[in-house]
Amino acid sequence: MKELLALSVGSIPSLKFSERVSLLENLSGVDEFRSLKPIDLAPRFHRIPKNTIWDPSILLDSAEKALNAMEKRGIQLLTPLDSSYPPQLKEIYDPPFLLFYRGVLPTWNETFLAIVGTRQPTGLGRRSAYMLAKEASQLGMVIVSGLARGIDGEAHRGALDGGGRTIAVLGHGPESVYPVSNRKLGERILQEQGAFFSEYPPGTAPLPYHFPARNRIISGLSRGVVVVEAPVGSGALITSDYALEQGRDLFIHRVGMESMQGGGTKQLGDEGAPAIENCKDILAHWGIREMQKLEADSQPTAEKTRTINLAPGQWLAEQLREELERKR
């Protein structure tokens, strides 16, 4: 019933995120939703929403069909009322009310790094994205990207080859992979404990305007965003704009500063985005020592053993927490 109500509330036109959350939280059940009249929303929200002509029964029927499709394809649903909903998305402007996913949910206290760029990178750009993702995953970061051709695909591959996990945020329904050329990569992401996320229900086509919107989720999930190679006008620059609006750390890869496909990357650098070559540079920006240096430190033996025995992801998360405490 919860998912059916969430899908129905998510289909009501012209409601704000907070209004959908409030309505879902306060509905007693399907019968109350079925009896709901559009005009009933005005006193609830102290305004008259636009496009108020809608039929609750039709919305419930559509939600029923979507729920059946989800069950057949192993698709799960999160709303902001769920404890597993990413807390970092609640911080951003216009978070997704519905978040569909396939695969394994990460624990949201891990460190997420987004790696994005053009669909038509140079060979060096491809290699740089792959190596950065591989190194970051070996340190325990979860790599976030959009499963597009080019830089996105290399970021996902690098994360997997580094033995880590990766999240693909899609601009279409989560039951499919677009482009088709990345289907095997998508299958591997799911097989190796990764996940697909989308705010679009199953059956939603990869329409052009969906991709800029999904970029706010890529950056919103992440502690930092790295733009590798991006021409002027690239969709990756939309992600960089979202990162800055959301208070995420924005980096550019040095390979993009001199690349024929890096006009937008260079522009970000000229505007002050720090340039990095590897994870060491990112960790330095975050004020975190490398693991190798940590092992060589002259801290008490018990403390050293405790820290080194942490899994890479736990180690990095702990270092980030300690660094944040020092800055307060």
Protein backbone atom coordinates (compact mmCIF):
# COMPACT_ATOMS: atom_id res chain seq x y z
CA MET A 1 0.00 0.00 0.00
CA LYS A 2 2.82 2.42 0.83
CA GLU A 3 4.37 2.11 -2.63
CA LEU A 4 0.99 2.38 -4.36
CA LEU A 5 0.24 5.59 -2.46
CA ALA A 6 3.71 6.98 -3.14
CA LEU A 7 3.40 6.34 -6.88
CA SER A 8 -0.05 7.95 -6.88
CA VAL A 9 1.05 11.02 -4.92
CA GLY A 10 4.09 11.30 -7.20
CA SER A 11 1.76 11.56 -10.21
CA ILE A 12 -0.28 14.51 -8.91
CA PRO A 13 0.66 17.49 -11.11
CA SER A 14 2.17 20.74 -9.86
CA LEU A 15 2.96 19.79 -6.27
CA LYS A 16 6.17 20.83 -4.56
CA PHE A 17 8.49 18.25 -3.02
CA SER A 18 7.51 19.23 0.54
CA GLU A 19 3.80 19.05 -0.34
CA ARG A 20 4.14 15.52 -1.73
CA VAL A 21 6.01 14.42 1.38
CA SER A 22 3.37 15.96 3.66
CA LEU A 23 0.49 14.43 1.72
CA LEU A 24 2.05 10.96 1.68
CA GLU A 25 2.85 11.18 5.38
CA ASN A 26 -0.69 12.13 6.34
CA LEU A 27 -2.79 9.94 4.07
CA SER A 28 -4.49 7.13 5.98
CA GLY A 29 -4.69 4.82 2.98
CA VAL A 30 -5.82 4.15 -0.56
CA ASP A 31 -9.48 4.85 0.20
CA GLU A 32 -8.69 8.34 1.43
CA PHE A 33 -6.62 9.03 -1.67
CA ARG A 34 -9.41 7.73 -3.93
CA SER A 35 -11.89 10.11 -2.31
CA LEU A 36 -9.48 13.06 -2.53
CA LYS A 37 -10.67 15.98 -4.63
CA PRO A 38 -8.15 18.32 -6.27
CA ILE A 39 -9.79 21.27 -4.50
CA ASP A 40 -9.00 19.57 -1.15
CA LEU A 41 -5.32 20.38 -1.66
CA ALA A 42 -5.82 24.16 -1.43
CA PRO A 43 -6.48 24.30 2.34
CA ARG A 44 -3.78 21.68 2.97
CA PHE A 45 -1.06 23.71 1.26
CA HIS A 46 -2.50 27.25 1.55
CA ARG A 47 -2.38 27.68 -2.20
CA ILE A 48 -4.21 26.49 -5.30
CA PRO A 49 -1.88 24.23 -7.31
CA LYS A 50 -1.91 24.63 -11.09
CA ASN A 51 -3.36 21.88 -13.29
CA THR A 52 -5.85 20.92 -10.60
CA ILE A 53 -7.97 18.75 -12.91
CA TRP A 54 -6.99 15.17 -12.17
CA ASP A 55 -8.77 11.98 -11.18
CA PRO A 56 -7.47 10.05 -8.15
CA SER A 57 -8.86 6.77 -9.53
CA ILE A 58 -6.91 7.18 -12.77
CA LEU A 59 -3.72 7.97 -10.84
CA LEU A 60 -4.23 4.87 -8.69
CA ASP A 61 -4.78 2.68 -11.75
CA SER A 62 -1.56 4.00 -13.34
CA ALA A 63 0.28 3.42 -10.09
CA GLU A 64 -1.00 -0.16 -9.98
CA LYS A 65 0.41 -0.81 -13.46
CA ALA A 66 3.75 0.76 -12.53
CA LEU A 67 3.92 -1.35 -9.38
CA ASN A 68 3.29 -4.53 -11.37
CA ALA A 69 6.09 -3.59 -13.79
CA MET A 70 8.42 -2.94 -10.86
CA GLU A 71 7.71 -6.32 -9.29
CA LYS A 72 8.38 -8.14 -12.58
CA ARG A 73 11.71 -6.37 -13.08
CA GLY A 74 13.05 -6.33 -9.55
CA ILE A 75 12.76 -2.56 -9.17
CA GLN A 76 12.50 -1.06 -5.68
CA LEU A 77 11.19 2.35 -4.63
CA LEU A 78 12.39 4.87 -2.08
CA THR A 79 10.61 8.00 -0.85
CA PRO A 80 11.90 10.62 1.61
CA LEU A 81 9.88 8.87 4.34
CA ASP A 82 12.05 5.75 4.02
CA SER A 83 15.08 5.41 6.28
CA SER A 84 17.09 4.15 3.27
CA TYR A 85 16.46 7.29 1.21
CA PRO A 86 19.83 9.05 0.63
CA PRO A 87 20.12 11.74 3.32
CA GLN A 88 22.40 13.84 1.13
CA LEU A 89 19.60 14.25 -1.42
CA LYS A 90 17.37 15.78 1.24
CA GLU A 91 19.89 18.63 1.44
CA ILE A 92 19.54 19.72 -2.19
CA TYR A 93 17.02 21.96 -3.91
CA ASP A 94 14.31 19.91 -5.65
CA PRO A 95 15.22 16.39 -4.48
CA PRO A 96 13.47 13.50 -6.23
CA PHE A 97 10.25 12.51 -4.45
CA LEU A 98 10.37 9.04 -6.00
CA LEU A 99 13.68 7.24 -6.35
CA PHE A 100 13.53 3.94 -8.23
CA TYR A 101 16.47 1.58 -7.99
CA ARG A 102 17.83 -1.81 -8.96
CA GLY A 103 20.77 -3.50 -7.29
CA VAL A 104 22.27 -3.15 -3.83
CA LEU A 105 21.77 -0.01 -1.78
CA PRO A 106 25.01 1.42 -0.40
CA THR A 107 25.27 2.66 3.15
CA TRP A 108 24.92 6.41 2.82
CA ASN A 109 27.75 7.24 5.23
CA GLU A 110 30.30 6.14 2.61
CA THR A 111 32.26 8.59 0.46
CA PHE A 112 30.75 9.15 -2.99
CA LEU A 113 32.74 10.66 -5.84
CA ALA A 114 31.11 11.64 -9.13
CA ILE A 115 33.22 11.44 -12.30
CA VAL A 116 31.66 12.98 -15.40
CA GLY A 117 32.58 14.27 -18.82
CA THR A 118 31.96 14.19 -22.54
CA ARG A 119 30.55 11.28 -24.50
CA GLN A 120 33.37 11.77 -27.03
CA PRO A 121 36.59 11.95 -25.00
CA THR A 122 40.13 11.68 -26.24
CA GLY A 123 42.06 8.50 -25.57
CA LEU A 124 43.95 10.23 -22.77
CA GLY A 125 40.69 11.47 -21.29
CA ARG A 126 39.28 7.95 -21.25
CA ARG A 127 42.39 6.61 -19.57
CA SER A 128 42.43 9.39 -16.99
CA ALA A 129 38.78 8.84 -16.01
CA TYR A 130 39.33 5.09 -15.75
CA MET A 131 42.47 5.39 -13.61
CA LEU A 132 40.98 8.00 -11.29
CA ALA A 133 37.88 5.85 -10.70
CA LYS A 134 39.97 2.72 -10.18
CA GLU A 135 42.22 4.44 -7.65
CA ALA A 136 39.26 6.03 -5.83
CA SER A 137 37.43 2.70 -5.59
CA GLN A 138 40.54 1.05 -4.16
CA LEU A 139 40.47 3.70 -1.43
CA GLY A 140 36.87 2.77 -0.67
CA MET A 141 35.00 5.53 -2.51
CA VAL A 142 31.77 4.73 -4.34
CA ILE A 143 31.88 6.09 -7.89
CA VAL A 144 28.80 7.87 -9.23
CA SER A 145 28.20 8.61 -12.91
CA GLY A 146 25.54 8.51 -15.60
CA LEU A 147 26.28 5.32 -17.62
CA ALA A 148 26.61 7.35 -20.82
CA ARG A 149 29.22 6.68 -23.49
CA GLY A 150 32.70 8.06 -22.98
CA ILE A 151 33.83 9.39 -19.61
CA ASP A 152 30.85 7.98 -17.69
CA GLY A 153 31.44 4.46 -18.95
CA GLU A 154 35.17 4.63 -18.18
CA ALA A 155 34.41 5.83 -14.65
CA HIS A 156 32.12 2.86 -14.01
CA ARG A 157 34.64 0.40 -15.51
CA GLY A 158 37.50 1.81 -13.47
CA ALA A 159 35.49 1.52 -10.25
CA LEU A 160 34.63 -2.11 -10.97
CA ASP A 161 38.18 -3.03 -11.99
CA GLY A 162 39.39 -1.44 -8.77
CA GLY A 163 37.23 -3.88 -6.83
CA GLY A 164 34.79 -1.22 -5.70
CA ARG A 165 31.17 -0.37 -6.28
CA THR A 166 29.55 2.15 -8.56
CA ILE A 167 26.16 3.83 -8.93
CA ALA A 168 24.63 4.74 -12.29
CA VAL A 169 22.03 7.53 -12.24
CA LEU A 170 19.78 7.16 -15.28
CA GLY A 171 17.71 9.55 -17.37
CA HIS A 172 15.07 6.91 -18.12
CA GLY A 173 13.35 3.98 -16.45
CA PRO A 174 15.67 1.78 -14.34
CA GLU A 175 14.75 -1.43 -16.15
CA SER A 176 16.94 -0.69 -19.17
CA VAL A 177 20.36 0.60 -20.18
CA TYR A 178 20.88 3.48 -22.61
CA PRO A 179 22.89 3.52 -24.78
CA VAL A 180 22.53 -0.15 -25.70
CA SER A 181 26.30 -0.34 -26.22
CA ASN A 182 26.69 -0.08 -22.42
CA ARG A 183 24.31 -2.96 -21.67
CA LYS A 184 27.06 -5.39 -20.65
CA LEU A 185 28.61 -2.72 -18.44
CA GLY A 186 25.23 -2.15 -16.82
CA GLU A 187 24.85 -5.86 -16.17
CA ARG A 188 28.27 -5.93 -14.57
CA ILE A 189 27.42 -2.99 -12.30
CA LEU A 190 24.43 -4.88 -10.93
CA GLN A 191 26.33 -8.17 -10.65
CA GLU A 192 29.10 -6.53 -8.63
CA GLN A 193 26.97 -5.00 -5.88
CA GLY A 194 26.32 -1.69 -7.63
CA ALA A 195 23.00 -0.01 -8.35
CA PHE A 196 20.93 1.91 -10.89
CA PHE A 197 18.99 4.95 -9.64
CA SER A 198 16.34 6.93 -11.46
CA GLU A 199 13.53 9.31 -10.58
CA TYR A 200 11.65 7.97 -13.61
CA PRO A 201 9.32 4.95 -13.36
CA PRO A 202 9.76 1.83 -15.49
CA GLY A 203 8.80 2.34 -19.10
CA THR A 204 10.05 5.94 -19.22
CA ALA A 205 11.98 6.62 -22.44
CA PRO A 206 15.42 8.33 -22.46
CA LEU A 207 14.12 11.74 -23.50
CA PRO A 208 16.71 14.51 -23.95
CA TYR A 209 15.41 16.74 -21.16
CA HIS A 210 15.65 13.91 -18.61
CA PHE A 211 19.45 13.91 -18.64
CA PRO A 212 20.10 17.46 -17.42
CA ALA A 213 17.57 16.85 -14.62
CA ARG A 214 19.24 13.60 -13.53
CA ASN A 215 22.57 15.44 -13.21
CA ARG A 216 21.38 17.11 -10.00
CA ILE A 217 21.09 13.63 -8.49
CA ILE A 218 24.60 12.65 -9.61
CA SER A 219 26.10 15.68 -7.86
CA GLY A 220 23.63 15.57 -4.98
CA LEU A 221 24.71 12.05 -4.00
CA SER A 222 28.39 12.94 -4.07
CA ARG A 223 30.90 14.53 -1.72
CA GLY A 224 32.86 15.74 -4.75
CA VAL A 225 32.43 15.99 -8.52
CA VAL A 226 35.30 15.63 -11.00
CA VAL A 227 34.83 16.96 -14.54
CA VAL A 228 37.41 15.18 -16.68
CA GLU A 229 36.93 16.37 -20.27
CA ALA A 230 33.98 18.58 -21.17
CA PRO A 231 33.63 20.81 -24.23
CA VAL A 232 31.91 24.16 -23.90
CA GLY A 233 28.18 23.42 -23.72
CA SER A 234 28.68 19.85 -22.47
CA GLY A 235 26.05 18.30 -20.22
CA ALA A 236 28.82 17.63 -17.71
CA LEU A 237 28.94 21.38 -17.08
CA ILE A 238 25.32 21.20 -15.93
CA THR A 239 26.51 18.72 -13.30
CA SER A 240 29.25 21.15 -12.27
CA ASP A 241 26.68 23.94 -11.89
CA TYR A 242 24.56 21.70 -9.69
CA ALA A 243 27.62 20.75 -7.63
CA LEU A 244 28.34 24.40 -6.86
CA GLU A 245 24.69 25.14 -6.05
CA GLN A 246 24.56 22.14 -3.72
CA GLY A 247 27.79 22.96 -1.89
CA ARG A 248 29.67 19.96 -3.26
CA ASP A 249 33.40 20.06 -3.97
CA LEU A 250 34.04 20.63 -7.66
CA PHE A 251 37.30 19.47 -9.26
CA ILE A 252 38.59 19.37 -12.81
CA HIS A 253 41.06 16.83 -14.15
CA ARG A 254 44.26 18.34 -15.48
CA VAL A 255 43.96 16.27 -18.66
CA GLY A 256 41.00 18.43 -19.64
CA MET A 257 42.96 21.67 -19.33
CA GLU A 258 44.87 21.06 -22.54
CA SER A 259 42.55 18.64 -24.32
CA MET A 260 40.79 19.40 -27.60
CA GLN A 261 37.64 18.16 -25.83
CA GLY A 262 38.25 20.19 -22.68
CA GLY A 263 37.10 23.72 -23.48
CA GLY A 264 34.49 23.64 -20.74
CA THR A 265 36.92 22.01 -18.32
CA LYS A 266 39.45 24.78 -18.92
CA GLN A 267 36.72 27.37 -18.38
CA LEU A 268 35.93 25.84 -14.98
CA GLY A 269 39.63 25.97 -14.12
CA ASP A 270 39.82 29.63 -15.11
CA GLU A 271 36.87 30.26 -12.80
CA GLY A 272 38.71 28.71 -9.86
CA ALA A 273 37.91 24.99 -9.82
CA PRO A 274 40.96 23.13 -8.44
CA ALA A 275 42.74 20.84 -10.90
CA ILE A 276 43.59 17.29 -9.83
CA GLU A 277 45.45 14.37 -11.38
CA ASN A 278 44.74 11.59 -8.90
CA CYS A 279 43.09 10.72 -5.60
CA LYS A 280 46.05 12.04 -3.66
CA ASP A 281 45.11 15.54 -4.84
CA ILE A 282 41.48 15.06 -3.80
CA LEU A 283 42.44 13.75 -0.37
CA ALA A 284 44.82 16.67 0.10
CA HIS A 285 41.98 19.07 -0.70
CA TRP A 286 39.88 17.30 1.94
CA GLY A 287 42.72 17.47 4.47
CA ILE A 288 43.15 13.69 4.64
CA ARG A 289 46.45 11.85 4.80
CA GLU A 290 47.13 8.95 2.47
CA MET A 291 46.87 5.46 3.92
CA GLN A 292 50.55 4.82 3.28
CA LYS A 293 51.50 7.89 5.31
CA LEU A 294 49.03 6.93 7.99
CA GLU A 295 50.68 3.54 8.39
CA ALA A 296 54.06 5.20 8.86
CA ASP A 297 52.85 7.68 11.48
CA SER A 298 54.23 7.45 14.97
CA GLN A 299 50.82 7.26 16.66
CA PRO A 300 50.28 4.74 19.51
CA THR A 301 50.48 1.15 18.30
CA ALA A 302 46.94 0.21 19.38
CA GLU A 303 45.47 3.20 17.57
CA LYS A 304 47.58 2.51 14.50
CA THR A 305 46.44 -1.11 14.38
CA ARG A 306 42.81 -0.15 14.83
CA THR A 307 42.96 2.37 11.98
CA ILE A 308 44.86 0.20 9.52
CA ASN A 309 42.53 -2.73 10.12
CA LEU A 310 39.53 -0.73 8.96
CA ALA A 311 38.19 -1.49 5.50
CA PRO A 312 39.17 1.22 2.97
CA GLY A 313 35.67 2.72 2.88
CA GLN A 314 35.45 2.79 6.67
CA TRP A 315 38.90 4.31 6.93
CA LEU A 316 38.06 7.10 4.51
CA ALA A 317 34.71 7.84 6.13
CA GLU A 318 36.38 8.03 9.55
CA GLN A 319 39.09 10.36 8.27
CA LEU A 320 36.46 12.64 6.73
CA ARG A 321 34.51 12.76 9.98
CA GLU A 322 37.66 13.62 11.93
CA GLU A 323 38.61 16.32 9.45
CA LEU A 324 35.14 17.88 9.66
CA GLU A 325 35.38 17.90 13.46
CA ARG A 326 38.75 19.65 13.29
CA LYS A 327 37.28 22.38 11.06
CA ARG A 328 34.38 23.11 13.40
